[in-house]
Amino acid sequence: YWRRGLGEQMLLALEQRGRELGFKRLHLDTSVPQLPAQKLYVKHRYQEIGRGLIGTLEIIYYEKWLE
């Protein structure tokens, strides 16, 4: 189901639900090999806030302040 916009629709719905619940910011992560996810998060103004390892997999952590 890649490249059909489903990930973007889910991300936008989760952001909206976060706003409804009064969240001020969101955190999410993806792995370094997941370039489409990284592009999606940057497109929606998520900022990289750190990296870490889960086993041998490098993880990128993102944050976005909700408006």
C-alpha atoms as a PDB file:
ATOM      1  CA  TYR A   1       0.000   0.000   0.000  1.00  0.00           C
ATOM      2  CA  TRP A   2       2.994   2.331  -0.331  1.00  0.00           C
ATOM      3  CA  ARG A   3       2.640   5.601  -2.187  1.00  0.00           C
ATOM      4  CA  ARG A   4      -1.135   5.798  -1.867  1.00  0.00           C
ATOM      5  CA  GLY A   5      -1.188   8.530   0.769  1.00  0.00           C
ATOM      6  CA  LEU A   6      -2.373   6.260   3.573  1.00  0.00           C
ATOM      7  CA  GLY A   7       0.537   7.112   5.855  1.00  0.00           C
ATOM      8  CA  GLU A   8      -0.071  10.816   5.364  1.00  0.00           C
ATOM      9  CA  GLN A   9      -3.794  10.426   6.075  1.00  0.00           C
ATOM     10  CA  MET A  10      -3.034   8.521   9.278  1.00  0.00           C
ATOM     11  CA  LEU A  11      -0.464  11.088  10.366  1.00  0.00           C
ATOM     12  CA  LEU A  12      -2.874  13.981   9.815  1.00  0.00           C
ATOM     13  CA  ALA A  13      -5.665  12.158  11.656  1.00  0.00           C
ATOM     14  CA  LEU A  14      -3.367  11.465  14.615  1.00  0.00           C
ATOM     15  CA  GLU A  15      -2.263  15.092  14.718  1.00  0.00           C
ATOM     16  CA  GLN A  16      -5.884  16.235  14.710  1.00  0.00           C
ATOM     17  CA  ARG A  17      -6.781  13.804  17.488  1.00  0.00           C
ATOM     18  CA  GLY A  18      -3.803  15.036  19.479  1.00  0.00           C
ATOM     19  CA  ARG A  19      -5.066  18.605  19.170  1.00  0.00           C
ATOM     20  CA  GLU A  20      -8.553  17.515  20.262  1.00  0.00           C
ATOM     21  CA  LEU A  21      -7.025  15.877  23.340  1.00  0.00           C
ATOM     22  CA  GLY A  22      -5.048  19.000  24.157  1.00  0.00           C
ATOM     23  CA  PHE A  23      -1.593  17.705  23.280  1.00  0.00           C
ATOM     24  CA  LYS A  24       0.995  20.416  22.723  1.00  0.00           C
ATOM     25  CA  ARG A  25       3.563  18.321  20.881  1.00  0.00           C
ATOM     26  CA  LEU A  26       3.998  14.927  19.299  1.00  0.00           C
ATOM     27  CA  HIS A  27       6.951  12.553  19.249  1.00  0.00           C
ATOM     28  CA  LEU A  28       7.520   9.796  16.738  1.00  0.00           C
ATOM     29  CA  ASP A  29      10.346   7.741  15.375  1.00  0.00           C
ATOM     30  CA  THR A  30      11.466   5.720  12.402  1.00  0.00           C
ATOM     31  CA  SER A  31      14.535   3.770  11.410  1.00  0.00           C
ATOM     32  CA  VAL A  32      17.287   5.108   9.178  1.00  0.00           C
ATOM     33  CA  PRO A  33      16.421   2.767   6.250  1.00  0.00           C
ATOM     34  CA  GLN A  34      12.826   4.096   6.137  1.00  0.00           C
ATOM     35  CA  LEU A  35      13.452   7.024   3.787  1.00  0.00           C
ATOM     36  CA  PRO A  36       9.776   7.466   2.773  1.00  0.00           C
ATOM     37  CA  ALA A  37       8.802   7.863   6.447  1.00  0.00           C
ATOM     38  CA  GLN A  38      11.584  10.385   7.020  1.00  0.00           C
ATOM     39  CA  LYS A  39      10.435  12.424   4.018  1.00  0.00           C
ATOM     40  CA  LEU A  40       6.831  12.346   5.220  1.00  0.00           C
ATOM     41  CA  TYR A  41       7.756  13.580   8.700  1.00  0.00           C
ATOM     42  CA  VAL A  42       9.964  16.383   7.393  1.00  0.00           C
ATOM     43  CA  LYS A  43       7.221  17.385   4.923  1.00  0.00           C
ATOM     44  CA  HIS A  44       4.886  17.823   7.894  1.00  0.00           C
ATOM     45  CA  ARG A  45       7.410  19.908   9.839  1.00  0.00           C
ATOM     46  CA  TYR A  46       8.686  17.307  12.288  1.00  0.00           C
ATOM     47  CA  GLN A  47      12.145  18.127  13.582  1.00  0.00           C
ATOM     48  CA  GLU A  48      14.794  15.515  14.267  1.00  0.00           C
ATOM     49  CA  ILE A  49      15.608  15.632  17.980  1.00  0.00           C
ATOM     50  CA  GLY A  50      17.947  12.685  18.337  1.00  0.00           C
ATOM     51  CA  ARG A  51      19.064   9.251  17.302  1.00  0.00           C
ATOM     52  CA  GLY A  52      19.514   5.988  19.104  1.00  0.00           C
ATOM     53  CA  LEU A  53      19.864   2.276  18.667  1.00  0.00           C
ATOM     54  CA  ILE A  54      17.400  -0.528  19.170  1.00  0.00           C
ATOM     55  CA  GLY A  55      19.613  -3.550  18.890  1.00  0.00           C
ATOM     56  CA  THR A  56      21.617  -2.802  15.776  1.00  0.00           C
ATOM     57  CA  LEU A  57      18.905  -0.659  14.132  1.00  0.00           C
ATOM     58  CA  GLU A  58      19.542   3.093  14.134  1.00  0.00           C
ATOM     59  CA  ILE A  59      16.422   5.059  15.080  1.00  0.00           C
ATOM     60  CA  ILE A  60      15.649   8.711  14.344  1.00  0.00           C
ATOM     61  CA  TYR A  61      13.447  10.544  16.863  1.00  0.00           C
ATOM     62  CA  TYR A  62      11.243  13.436  15.753  1.00  0.00           C
ATOM     63  CA  GLU A  63       9.151  16.079  17.480  1.00  0.00           C
ATOM     64  CA  LYS A  64       6.472  18.513  16.343  1.00  0.00           C
ATOM     65  CA  TRP A  65       4.787  21.257  18.326  1.00  0.00           C
ATOM     66  CA  LEU A  66       1.077  21.435  17.532  1.00  0.00           C
ATOM     67  CA  GLU A  67      -0.535  24.743  16.697  1.00  0.00           C
END
